[in-house]
N, C-alpha and C. Protein backbone atom coordinates (compact mmCIF):
# COMPACT_ATOMS: atom_id res chain seq x y z
N MET A 1 -7.44 -6.87 6.61
CA MET A 1 -6.03 -6.94 6.23
C MET A 1 -5.79 -8.15 5.32
N ARG A 2 -6.45 -9.26 5.65
CA ARG A 2 -6.25 -10.48 4.86
C ARG A 2 -6.55 -10.23 3.38
N THR A 3 -7.63 -9.53 3.10
CA THR A 3 -8.02 -9.27 1.71
C THR A 3 -6.96 -8.45 0.99
N ALA A 4 -6.44 -7.42 1.64
CA ALA A 4 -5.40 -6.58 1.03
C ALA A 4 -4.12 -7.39 0.81
N LEU A 5 -3.73 -8.17 1.80
CA LEU A 5 -2.52 -8.99 1.68
C LEU A 5 -2.66 -10.02 0.55
N ASN A 6 -3.81 -10.69 0.49
CA ASN A 6 -4.02 -11.70 -0.56
C ASN A 6 -4.03 -11.08 -1.95
N GLY A 7 -4.67 -9.91 -2.07
CA GLY A 7 -4.69 -9.23 -3.36
C GLY A 7 -3.31 -8.85 -3.83
N TYR A 8 -2.49 -8.34 -2.92
CA TYR A 8 -1.13 -7.95 -3.27
C TYR A 8 -0.31 -9.19 -3.65
N ALA A 9 -0.49 -10.28 -2.88
CA ALA A 9 0.25 -11.52 -3.18
C ALA A 9 -0.08 -12.02 -4.59
N ALA A 10 -1.33 -11.92 -4.99
CA ALA A 10 -1.72 -12.35 -6.34
C ALA A 10 -1.04 -11.50 -7.41
N LEU A 11 -0.91 -10.21 -7.15
CA LEU A 11 -0.24 -9.33 -8.12
C LEU A 11 1.26 -9.65 -8.21
N LEU A 12 1.88 -9.96 -7.07
CA LEU A 12 3.30 -10.36 -7.12
C LEU A 12 3.46 -11.66 -7.90
N ALA A 13 2.54 -12.59 -7.72
CA ALA A 13 2.59 -13.85 -8.46
C ALA A 13 2.50 -13.58 -9.96
N ALA A 14 1.61 -12.68 -10.34
CA ALA A 14 1.47 -12.33 -11.76
C ALA A 14 2.74 -11.68 -12.29
N ALA A 15 3.35 -10.81 -11.49
CA ALA A 15 4.61 -10.17 -11.90
C ALA A 15 5.71 -11.22 -12.09
N ALA A 16 5.76 -12.18 -11.19
CA ALA A 16 6.78 -13.23 -11.29
C ALA A 16 6.57 -14.09 -12.53
N GLU A 17 5.32 -14.38 -12.86
CA GLU A 17 5.01 -15.22 -14.02
C GLU A 17 5.51 -14.62 -15.32
N ILE A 18 5.51 -13.30 -15.40
CA ILE A 18 5.95 -12.66 -16.64
C ILE A 18 7.31 -12.00 -16.50
N ASP A 19 7.99 -12.27 -15.38
CA ASP A 19 9.30 -11.67 -15.12
C ASP A 19 9.22 -10.15 -15.28
N GLY A 20 8.21 -9.57 -14.59
CA GLY A 20 7.92 -8.15 -14.76
C GLY A 20 8.51 -7.22 -13.72
N PHE A 21 9.44 -7.68 -12.93
CA PHE A 21 9.93 -6.85 -11.83
C PHE A 21 10.79 -5.66 -12.28
N ASP A 22 11.38 -5.72 -13.46
CA ASP A 22 12.19 -4.60 -13.94
C ASP A 22 11.36 -3.53 -14.65
N ARG A 23 10.09 -3.76 -14.81
CA ARG A 23 9.23 -2.79 -15.50
C ARG A 23 8.94 -1.58 -14.62
N PRO A 24 8.70 -0.42 -15.24
CA PRO A 24 8.26 0.74 -14.45
C PRO A 24 6.89 0.45 -13.85
N SER A 25 6.70 0.91 -12.62
CA SER A 25 5.41 0.71 -11.95
C SER A 25 4.56 1.97 -12.07
N GLY A 26 3.40 1.95 -11.46
CA GLY A 26 2.55 3.13 -11.41
C GLY A 26 3.01 4.15 -10.39
N CYS A 27 4.02 3.82 -9.61
CA CYS A 27 4.60 4.74 -8.62
C CYS A 27 5.78 5.44 -9.29
N ALA A 28 5.65 6.73 -9.46
CA ALA A 28 6.62 7.51 -10.23
C ALA A 28 8.06 7.23 -9.80
N GLY A 29 8.87 6.84 -10.77
CA GLY A 29 10.29 6.63 -10.54
C GLY A 29 10.66 5.27 -9.95
N TRP A 30 9.68 4.42 -9.70
CA TRP A 30 9.94 3.11 -9.11
C TRP A 30 9.60 2.00 -10.10
N THR A 31 10.42 0.96 -10.09
CA THR A 31 10.10 -0.26 -10.83
C THR A 31 9.16 -1.11 -9.99
N VAL A 32 8.64 -2.16 -10.60
CA VAL A 32 7.80 -3.10 -9.86
C VAL A 32 8.62 -3.69 -8.70
N ALA A 33 9.91 -3.98 -8.93
CA ALA A 33 10.76 -4.51 -7.86
C ALA A 33 10.91 -3.51 -6.72
N ASP A 34 11.07 -2.23 -7.05
CA ASP A 34 11.17 -1.20 -6.01
C ASP A 34 9.92 -1.18 -5.14
N VAL A 35 8.76 -1.25 -5.80
CA VAL A 35 7.50 -1.26 -5.07
C VAL A 35 7.42 -2.49 -4.18
N ALA A 36 7.78 -3.66 -4.72
CA ALA A 36 7.74 -4.89 -3.93
C ALA A 36 8.66 -4.79 -2.72
N ASP A 37 9.87 -4.28 -2.90
CA ASP A 37 10.79 -4.10 -1.78
C ASP A 37 10.15 -3.23 -0.70
N HIS A 38 9.57 -2.11 -1.12
CA HIS A 38 8.95 -1.17 -0.20
C HIS A 38 7.79 -1.82 0.57
N VAL A 39 6.91 -2.51 -0.14
CA VAL A 39 5.73 -3.09 0.50
C VAL A 39 6.15 -4.16 1.51
N ILE A 40 7.12 -4.97 1.16
CA ILE A 40 7.59 -5.99 2.10
C ILE A 40 8.15 -5.32 3.35
N THR A 41 8.97 -4.31 3.17
CA THR A 41 9.57 -3.60 4.30
C THR A 41 8.52 -2.94 5.18
N VAL A 42 7.55 -2.27 4.56
CA VAL A 42 6.49 -1.60 5.32
C VAL A 42 5.63 -2.62 6.06
N THR A 43 5.29 -3.71 5.39
CA THR A 43 4.48 -4.74 6.05
C THR A 43 5.22 -5.32 7.25
N GLU A 44 6.50 -5.57 7.11
CA GLU A 44 7.30 -6.08 8.23
C GLU A 44 7.37 -5.06 9.37
N LYS A 45 7.49 -3.77 9.02
CA LYS A 45 7.54 -2.72 10.04
C LYS A 45 6.25 -2.70 10.85
N PHE A 46 5.11 -2.71 10.19
CA PHE A 46 3.84 -2.68 10.91
C PHE A 46 3.57 -4.00 11.64
N THR A 47 4.11 -5.09 11.14
CA THR A 47 3.98 -6.36 11.85
C THR A 47 4.71 -6.31 13.19
N ARG A 48 5.89 -5.71 13.22
CA ARG A 48 6.62 -5.56 14.49
C ARG A 48 5.78 -4.77 15.49
N PHE A 49 5.10 -3.73 15.03
CA PHE A 49 4.22 -2.98 15.92
C PHE A 49 3.06 -3.85 16.38
N ALA A 50 2.35 -4.46 15.45
CA ALA A 50 1.15 -5.24 15.79
C ALA A 50 1.47 -6.40 16.72
N ALA A 51 2.66 -6.97 16.59
CA ALA A 51 3.07 -8.09 17.44
C ALA A 51 3.51 -7.65 18.83
N GLY A 52 3.59 -6.34 19.04
CA GLY A 52 3.98 -5.83 20.35
C GLY A 52 5.48 -5.64 20.53
N GLY A 53 6.22 -5.75 19.44
CA GLY A 53 7.68 -5.60 19.52
C GLY A 53 8.16 -4.18 19.72
N THR A 54 7.36 -3.21 19.27
CA THR A 54 7.75 -1.80 19.39
C THR A 54 6.53 -0.92 19.19
N ASP A 55 6.57 0.24 19.80
CA ASP A 55 5.54 1.25 19.53
C ASP A 55 6.05 2.31 18.56
N THR A 56 7.32 2.20 18.17
CA THR A 56 7.94 3.14 17.23
C THR A 56 8.59 2.36 16.08
N PRO A 57 7.79 1.69 15.28
CA PRO A 57 8.37 0.87 14.20
C PRO A 57 9.06 1.73 13.15
N ARG A 58 10.21 1.26 12.73
CA ARG A 58 10.98 1.93 11.68
C ARG A 58 11.45 0.87 10.71
N SER A 59 11.81 1.31 9.53
CA SER A 59 12.36 0.38 8.54
C SER A 59 13.38 1.12 7.70
N ALA A 60 14.31 0.35 7.19
CA ALA A 60 15.29 0.88 6.25
C ALA A 60 15.03 0.22 4.90
N PRO A 61 15.24 0.96 3.83
CA PRO A 61 15.03 0.37 2.51
C PRO A 61 15.92 -0.86 2.32
N VAL A 62 15.37 -1.87 1.68
CA VAL A 62 16.12 -3.09 1.38
C VAL A 62 15.94 -3.43 -0.09
N ARG A 63 16.88 -4.19 -0.62
CA ARG A 63 16.76 -4.72 -1.98
C ARG A 63 16.64 -6.23 -1.86
N ILE A 64 15.59 -6.75 -2.41
CA ILE A 64 15.34 -8.19 -2.39
C ILE A 64 15.48 -8.69 -3.82
N ASP A 65 16.13 -9.80 -3.98
CA ASP A 65 16.25 -10.40 -5.30
C ASP A 65 14.83 -10.66 -5.82
N PRO A 66 14.48 -10.16 -7.01
CA PRO A 66 13.13 -10.35 -7.52
C PRO A 66 12.66 -11.81 -7.52
N ARG A 67 13.59 -12.75 -7.63
CA ARG A 67 13.19 -14.16 -7.58
C ARG A 67 12.65 -14.53 -6.20
N ASP A 68 12.96 -13.71 -5.19
CA ASP A 68 12.55 -14.00 -3.82
C ASP A 68 11.37 -13.14 -3.34
N HIS A 69 10.87 -12.25 -4.17
CA HIS A 69 9.79 -11.36 -3.73
C HIS A 69 8.56 -12.12 -3.25
N ARG A 70 8.13 -13.11 -4.00
CA ARG A 70 6.93 -13.85 -3.61
C ARG A 70 7.12 -14.53 -2.27
N TYR A 71 8.24 -15.19 -2.09
CA TYR A 71 8.51 -15.88 -0.82
C TYR A 71 8.60 -14.87 0.32
N ALA A 72 9.33 -13.80 0.10
CA ALA A 72 9.51 -12.79 1.16
C ALA A 72 8.17 -12.16 1.53
N PHE A 73 7.35 -11.87 0.53
CA PHE A 73 6.05 -11.27 0.85
C PHE A 73 5.14 -12.29 1.52
N ASP A 74 5.12 -13.51 1.05
CA ASP A 74 4.27 -14.53 1.69
C ASP A 74 4.63 -14.69 3.16
N ARG A 75 5.91 -14.72 3.45
CA ARG A 75 6.37 -14.82 4.85
C ARG A 75 5.92 -13.59 5.65
N ALA A 76 6.09 -12.41 5.06
CA ALA A 76 5.68 -11.17 5.74
C ALA A 76 4.17 -11.14 5.94
N ALA A 77 3.41 -11.60 4.95
CA ALA A 77 1.95 -11.59 5.04
C ALA A 77 1.46 -12.53 6.13
N GLN A 78 2.03 -13.71 6.22
CA GLN A 78 1.64 -14.66 7.27
C GLN A 78 1.90 -14.08 8.65
N ALA A 79 3.08 -13.48 8.82
CA ALA A 79 3.41 -12.88 10.12
C ALA A 79 2.48 -11.70 10.41
N SER A 80 2.15 -10.93 9.38
CA SER A 80 1.27 -9.78 9.54
C SER A 80 -0.12 -10.22 10.00
N LEU A 81 -0.67 -11.22 9.35
CA LEU A 81 -2.00 -11.70 9.74
C LEU A 81 -2.02 -12.18 11.19
N ALA A 82 -1.00 -12.92 11.56
CA ALA A 82 -0.93 -13.42 12.95
C ALA A 82 -0.82 -12.25 13.92
N ALA A 83 -0.01 -11.27 13.60
CA ALA A 83 0.21 -10.14 14.51
C ALA A 83 -1.04 -9.27 14.63
N TRP A 84 -1.67 -8.93 13.50
CA TRP A 84 -2.85 -8.07 13.56
C TRP A 84 -4.02 -8.77 14.23
N THR A 85 -4.09 -10.07 14.14
CA THR A 85 -5.17 -10.82 14.78
C THR A 85 -5.12 -10.70 16.30
N THR A 86 -3.92 -10.58 16.83
CA THR A 86 -3.76 -10.53 18.29
C THR A 86 -3.35 -9.15 18.80
N CYS A 87 -3.31 -8.16 17.93
CA CYS A 87 -2.85 -6.82 18.33
C CYS A 87 -3.80 -6.19 19.36
N ASP A 88 -3.22 -5.63 20.38
CA ASP A 88 -3.98 -4.90 21.39
C ASP A 88 -4.48 -3.60 20.78
N PRO A 89 -5.80 -3.45 20.64
CA PRO A 89 -6.33 -2.24 19.98
C PRO A 89 -6.07 -0.95 20.77
N GLY A 90 -5.68 -1.07 22.01
CA GLY A 90 -5.41 0.12 22.81
C GLY A 90 -4.00 0.68 22.65
N ARG A 91 -3.18 0.00 21.86
CA ARG A 91 -1.80 0.46 21.68
C ARG A 91 -1.73 1.67 20.77
N THR A 92 -0.65 2.41 20.90
CA THR A 92 -0.40 3.59 20.08
C THR A 92 0.87 3.38 19.27
N CYS A 93 0.79 3.69 17.99
CA CYS A 93 1.92 3.56 17.07
C CYS A 93 2.48 4.95 16.80
N ARG A 94 3.76 5.13 17.11
CA ARG A 94 4.41 6.42 16.91
C ARG A 94 5.34 6.34 15.70
N LEU A 95 4.94 7.02 14.66
CA LEU A 95 5.73 7.07 13.43
C LEU A 95 6.35 8.45 13.29
N PRO A 96 7.36 8.61 12.45
CA PRO A 96 7.99 9.92 12.29
C PRO A 96 7.02 11.02 11.84
N PHE A 97 5.91 10.63 11.23
CA PHE A 97 4.95 11.60 10.70
C PHE A 97 3.66 11.67 11.49
N GLY A 98 3.63 11.07 12.69
CA GLY A 98 2.43 11.18 13.51
C GLY A 98 2.25 10.02 14.47
N THR A 99 1.26 10.18 15.33
CA THR A 99 0.91 9.16 16.31
C THR A 99 -0.46 8.61 15.92
N PHE A 100 -0.59 7.28 15.96
CA PHE A 100 -1.78 6.64 15.44
C PHE A 100 -2.24 5.52 16.38
N SER A 101 -3.54 5.31 16.43
CA SER A 101 -4.09 4.17 17.17
C SER A 101 -3.68 2.90 16.42
N ALA A 102 -3.85 1.76 17.07
CA ALA A 102 -3.55 0.50 16.41
C ALA A 102 -4.40 0.34 15.15
N GLY A 103 -5.67 0.70 15.22
CA GLY A 103 -6.54 0.61 14.05
C GLY A 103 -6.08 1.51 12.91
N GLU A 104 -5.63 2.71 13.25
CA GLU A 104 -5.12 3.62 12.22
C GLU A 104 -3.83 3.08 11.61
N ALA A 105 -2.98 2.48 12.43
CA ALA A 105 -1.73 1.89 11.92
C ALA A 105 -2.06 0.75 10.94
N ALA A 106 -3.04 -0.07 11.29
CA ALA A 106 -3.47 -1.13 10.37
C ALA A 106 -3.99 -0.51 9.07
N GLY A 107 -4.70 0.61 9.18
CA GLY A 107 -5.20 1.29 7.99
C GLY A 107 -4.09 1.80 7.10
N ILE A 108 -3.00 2.28 7.70
CA ILE A 108 -1.85 2.75 6.91
C ILE A 108 -1.25 1.57 6.15
N ASN A 109 -1.04 0.46 6.84
CA ASN A 109 -0.49 -0.73 6.21
C ASN A 109 -1.38 -1.20 5.07
N MET A 110 -2.70 -1.22 5.32
CA MET A 110 -3.64 -1.67 4.31
C MET A 110 -3.67 -0.72 3.11
N MET A 111 -3.67 0.59 3.36
CA MET A 111 -3.67 1.56 2.26
C MET A 111 -2.42 1.37 1.41
N ASP A 112 -1.28 1.14 2.05
CA ASP A 112 -0.03 0.92 1.33
C ASP A 112 -0.15 -0.28 0.39
N LEU A 113 -0.75 -1.36 0.89
CA LEU A 113 -0.94 -2.56 0.07
C LEU A 113 -1.85 -2.28 -1.13
N LEU A 114 -2.92 -1.55 -0.92
CA LEU A 114 -3.86 -1.27 -2.00
C LEU A 114 -3.25 -0.37 -3.07
N VAL A 115 -2.69 0.74 -2.64
CA VAL A 115 -2.15 1.71 -3.60
C VAL A 115 -0.97 1.11 -4.36
N HIS A 116 -0.08 0.45 -3.63
CA HIS A 116 1.07 -0.13 -4.32
C HIS A 116 0.70 -1.39 -5.09
N GLY A 117 -0.41 -2.03 -4.73
CA GLY A 117 -0.92 -3.11 -5.56
C GLY A 117 -1.31 -2.56 -6.92
N TRP A 118 -1.96 -1.42 -6.92
CA TRP A 118 -2.32 -0.77 -8.18
C TRP A 118 -1.06 -0.44 -8.97
N ASP A 119 -0.02 0.05 -8.28
CA ASP A 119 1.24 0.38 -8.95
C ASP A 119 1.84 -0.84 -9.65
N VAL A 120 1.81 -1.99 -8.97
CA VAL A 120 2.32 -3.22 -9.56
C VAL A 120 1.47 -3.61 -10.77
N ALA A 121 0.15 -3.55 -10.61
CA ALA A 121 -0.75 -3.91 -11.72
C ALA A 121 -0.48 -3.05 -12.95
N VAL A 122 -0.31 -1.75 -12.75
CA VAL A 122 0.00 -0.87 -13.88
C VAL A 122 1.30 -1.31 -14.54
N GLY A 123 2.29 -1.63 -13.72
CA GLY A 123 3.60 -2.01 -14.25
C GLY A 123 3.57 -3.28 -15.08
N ILE A 124 2.69 -4.20 -14.72
CA ILE A 124 2.66 -5.47 -15.46
C ILE A 124 1.47 -5.54 -16.42
N GLY A 125 0.78 -4.43 -16.58
CA GLY A 125 -0.27 -4.33 -17.59
C GLY A 125 -1.59 -5.00 -17.23
N LEU A 126 -1.89 -5.09 -15.94
CA LEU A 126 -3.15 -5.68 -15.51
C LEU A 126 -4.12 -4.61 -15.03
N SER A 127 -5.38 -4.87 -15.20
CA SER A 127 -6.41 -4.04 -14.58
C SER A 127 -6.53 -4.51 -13.14
N TYR A 128 -6.72 -3.60 -12.22
CA TYR A 128 -6.78 -3.96 -10.81
C TYR A 128 -7.93 -3.23 -10.14
N ARG A 129 -8.79 -3.99 -9.52
CA ARG A 129 -9.90 -3.41 -8.79
C ARG A 129 -9.67 -3.63 -7.31
N MET A 130 -9.51 -2.54 -6.58
CA MET A 130 -9.33 -2.62 -5.13
C MET A 130 -10.63 -3.09 -4.49
N PRO A 131 -10.54 -3.89 -3.44
CA PRO A 131 -11.76 -4.35 -2.77
C PRO A 131 -12.56 -3.17 -2.20
N GLU A 132 -13.80 -3.02 -2.67
CA GLU A 132 -14.65 -1.89 -2.27
C GLU A 132 -14.77 -1.71 -0.75
N PRO A 133 -14.94 -2.80 0.02
CA PRO A 133 -15.11 -2.60 1.47
C PRO A 133 -13.89 -1.97 2.17
N LEU A 134 -12.72 -2.06 1.54
CA LEU A 134 -11.51 -1.51 2.15
C LEU A 134 -11.29 -0.03 1.81
N LEU A 135 -11.97 0.44 0.79
CA LEU A 135 -11.71 1.79 0.30
C LEU A 135 -12.05 2.91 1.29
N PRO A 136 -13.15 2.87 2.04
CA PRO A 136 -13.40 3.98 2.97
C PRO A 136 -12.26 4.20 3.97
N THR A 137 -11.75 3.12 4.55
CA THR A 137 -10.64 3.25 5.49
C THR A 137 -9.39 3.76 4.78
N ALA A 138 -9.12 3.23 3.59
CA ALA A 138 -7.93 3.66 2.85
C ALA A 138 -8.02 5.13 2.47
N ILE A 139 -9.18 5.59 2.07
CA ILE A 139 -9.36 6.99 1.69
C ILE A 139 -9.21 7.90 2.91
N THR A 140 -9.80 7.53 4.02
CA THR A 140 -9.65 8.31 5.26
C THR A 140 -8.18 8.39 5.65
N THR A 141 -7.49 7.28 5.55
CA THR A 141 -6.06 7.23 5.88
C THR A 141 -5.27 8.13 4.95
N ALA A 142 -5.53 8.03 3.65
CA ALA A 142 -4.80 8.86 2.68
C ALA A 142 -5.04 10.34 2.93
N ARG A 143 -6.27 10.70 3.23
CA ARG A 143 -6.57 12.12 3.49
C ARG A 143 -5.79 12.64 4.70
N ARG A 144 -5.57 11.77 5.67
CA ARG A 144 -4.81 12.19 6.85
C ARG A 144 -3.31 12.27 6.55
N LEU A 145 -2.81 11.37 5.75
CA LEU A 145 -1.36 11.28 5.54
C LEU A 145 -0.82 12.15 4.42
N VAL A 146 -1.57 12.33 3.37
CA VAL A 146 -1.07 13.08 2.22
C VAL A 146 -1.33 14.56 2.46
N THR A 147 -0.33 15.20 3.03
CA THR A 147 -0.39 16.62 3.38
C THR A 147 0.67 17.37 2.59
N PRO A 148 0.58 18.69 2.55
CA PRO A 148 1.66 19.44 1.87
C PRO A 148 3.04 19.11 2.45
N ASP A 149 3.11 18.90 3.76
CA ASP A 149 4.39 18.57 4.38
C ASP A 149 4.89 17.20 3.94
N SER A 150 4.00 16.18 3.94
CA SER A 150 4.44 14.84 3.55
C SER A 150 4.80 14.78 2.07
N VAL A 151 4.13 15.57 1.25
CA VAL A 151 4.47 15.65 -0.17
C VAL A 151 5.83 16.33 -0.32
N ALA A 152 6.06 17.42 0.41
CA ALA A 152 7.33 18.14 0.34
C ALA A 152 8.50 17.26 0.79
N ARG A 153 8.25 16.37 1.74
CA ARG A 153 9.30 15.47 2.24
C ARG A 153 9.48 14.25 1.35
N GLY A 154 8.70 14.14 0.28
CA GLY A 154 8.83 13.04 -0.66
C GLY A 154 8.17 11.75 -0.23
N LEU A 155 7.32 11.81 0.80
CA LEU A 155 6.64 10.60 1.25
C LEU A 155 5.49 10.21 0.32
N TYR A 156 4.92 11.20 -0.33
CA TYR A 156 3.80 10.98 -1.25
C TYR A 156 3.96 11.88 -2.45
N SER A 157 3.33 11.47 -3.56
CA SER A 157 3.28 12.31 -4.74
C SER A 157 2.24 13.40 -4.53
N THR A 158 2.34 14.45 -5.31
CA THR A 158 1.36 15.53 -5.25
C THR A 158 0.00 15.00 -5.69
N PRO A 159 -1.03 15.22 -4.87
CA PRO A 159 -2.37 14.76 -5.26
C PRO A 159 -2.81 15.41 -6.57
N ILE A 160 -3.67 14.70 -7.27
CA ILE A 160 -4.27 15.27 -8.48
C ILE A 160 -5.72 15.61 -8.14
N ALA A 161 -6.41 16.26 -9.04
CA ALA A 161 -7.78 16.71 -8.78
C ALA A 161 -8.66 15.55 -8.31
N THR A 162 -9.36 15.79 -7.21
CA THR A 162 -10.22 14.74 -6.65
C THR A 162 -11.70 15.02 -6.86
N ILE A 163 -12.04 16.19 -7.36
CA ILE A 163 -13.44 16.55 -7.54
C ILE A 163 -14.10 15.57 -8.52
N GLY A 164 -15.22 15.02 -8.10
CA GLY A 164 -15.96 14.10 -8.94
C GLY A 164 -15.45 12.67 -8.91
N ARG A 165 -14.44 12.41 -8.14
CA ARG A 165 -13.91 11.05 -8.06
C ARG A 165 -14.44 10.37 -6.81
N GLU A 166 -14.56 9.07 -6.88
CA GLU A 166 -15.01 8.30 -5.72
C GLU A 166 -14.29 6.96 -5.72
N GLY A 167 -14.36 6.27 -4.61
CA GLY A 167 -13.79 4.94 -4.50
C GLY A 167 -12.33 4.88 -4.87
N GLN A 168 -11.99 3.88 -5.68
CA GLN A 168 -10.61 3.66 -6.07
C GLN A 168 -10.01 4.87 -6.78
N ALA A 169 -10.77 5.50 -7.65
CA ALA A 169 -10.25 6.67 -8.36
C ALA A 169 -9.91 7.79 -7.39
N LEU A 170 -10.70 7.96 -6.35
CA LEU A 170 -10.42 8.99 -5.35
C LEU A 170 -9.14 8.66 -4.58
N LEU A 171 -8.99 7.41 -4.14
CA LEU A 171 -7.78 7.02 -3.41
C LEU A 171 -6.54 7.23 -4.27
N LEU A 172 -6.62 6.84 -5.52
CA LEU A 172 -5.48 7.03 -6.41
C LEU A 172 -5.16 8.51 -6.61
N ALA A 173 -6.17 9.33 -6.76
CA ALA A 173 -5.95 10.77 -6.96
C ALA A 173 -5.33 11.40 -5.72
N ILE A 174 -5.82 11.04 -4.54
CA ILE A 174 -5.26 11.59 -3.31
C ILE A 174 -3.78 11.25 -3.19
N THR A 175 -3.41 10.05 -3.62
CA THR A 175 -2.02 9.62 -3.51
C THR A 175 -1.19 9.95 -4.75
N GLY A 176 -1.73 10.82 -5.60
CA GLY A 176 -0.95 11.37 -6.71
C GLY A 176 -0.85 10.48 -7.92
N ARG A 177 -1.77 9.57 -8.09
CA ARG A 177 -1.75 8.68 -9.25
C ARG A 177 -2.88 9.04 -10.19
N GLN A 178 -2.59 9.00 -11.47
CA GLN A 178 -3.61 9.27 -12.47
C GLN A 178 -4.39 7.99 -12.69
N PRO A 179 -5.63 7.95 -12.25
CA PRO A 179 -6.43 6.74 -12.43
C PRO A 179 -6.59 6.39 -13.91
N LEU A 180 -6.58 5.09 -14.17
CA LEU A 180 -6.69 4.57 -15.53
C LEU A 180 -7.75 3.50 -15.58
N GLY A 181 -8.37 3.32 -16.70
CA GLY A 181 -9.18 2.15 -16.95
C GLY A 181 -10.56 2.15 -16.35
N GLN A 182 -11.23 1.04 -16.54
CA GLN A 182 -12.65 0.92 -16.19
C GLN A 182 -12.92 1.03 -14.71
N TYR A 183 -11.98 0.69 -13.84
CA TYR A 183 -12.24 0.72 -12.42
C TYR A 183 -11.94 2.08 -11.79
N GLU A 184 -11.41 2.99 -12.57
CA GLU A 184 -11.05 4.29 -12.03
C GLU A 184 -11.83 5.42 -12.69
N ARG A 185 -12.99 5.13 -13.19
CA ARG A 185 -13.81 6.17 -13.84
C ARG A 185 -14.22 7.24 -12.83
N GLN A 186 -14.44 8.42 -13.35
CA GLN A 186 -14.93 9.50 -12.52
C GLN A 186 -16.39 9.27 -12.19
N LYS A 187 -16.80 9.79 -11.06
CA LYS A 187 -18.18 9.69 -10.61
C LYS A 187 -19.12 10.21 -11.70
N GLY A 188 -20.14 9.43 -11.98
CA GLY A 188 -21.13 9.88 -12.95
C GLY A 188 -20.79 9.59 -14.39
N SER A 189 -19.62 8.98 -14.67
CA SER A 189 -19.24 8.74 -16.05
C SER A 189 -19.62 7.35 -16.53
N GLU A 190 -20.25 6.58 -15.68
CA GLU A 190 -20.58 5.21 -16.06
C GLU A 190 -21.91 5.13 -16.76
């Protein structure tokens, strides 16, 4: 989790440096600020679960002043690390779209950070390479969550063709993003 949180924090710092929060992100219909609001809210929701505050974490959309995104995320990331470090692995997380073990809940939070980190990077014009060791868990999580029902309910974009894709390109395709650049090449094209 630390690696995903740190990577996302670095992307927010880059967005702040260029005042890029009003730019369109890689997440269809969302600005970089919209993505940042979402990631902070989701991270706080899963932190409440990991800290033992609830087994049914929920969140409502919030708008954070873009000048405060870095501070708000840093605060959420610190709380998240502390909570996941002490989380009882035997707990069950009940979300509106399914029931998950504590490890699976951590995987959802981590996948959200990786995919939306890519969205922020696209929005501010940076190349972004997701940490390879995190990709197997993120891909497994995406395959479980991105279903016809979750797409119909607007939780995820429609997946794009995944044949021949691996690693980051596969995760992006499953979550409905068109992979771009050197880190999202199709399998065998290198």
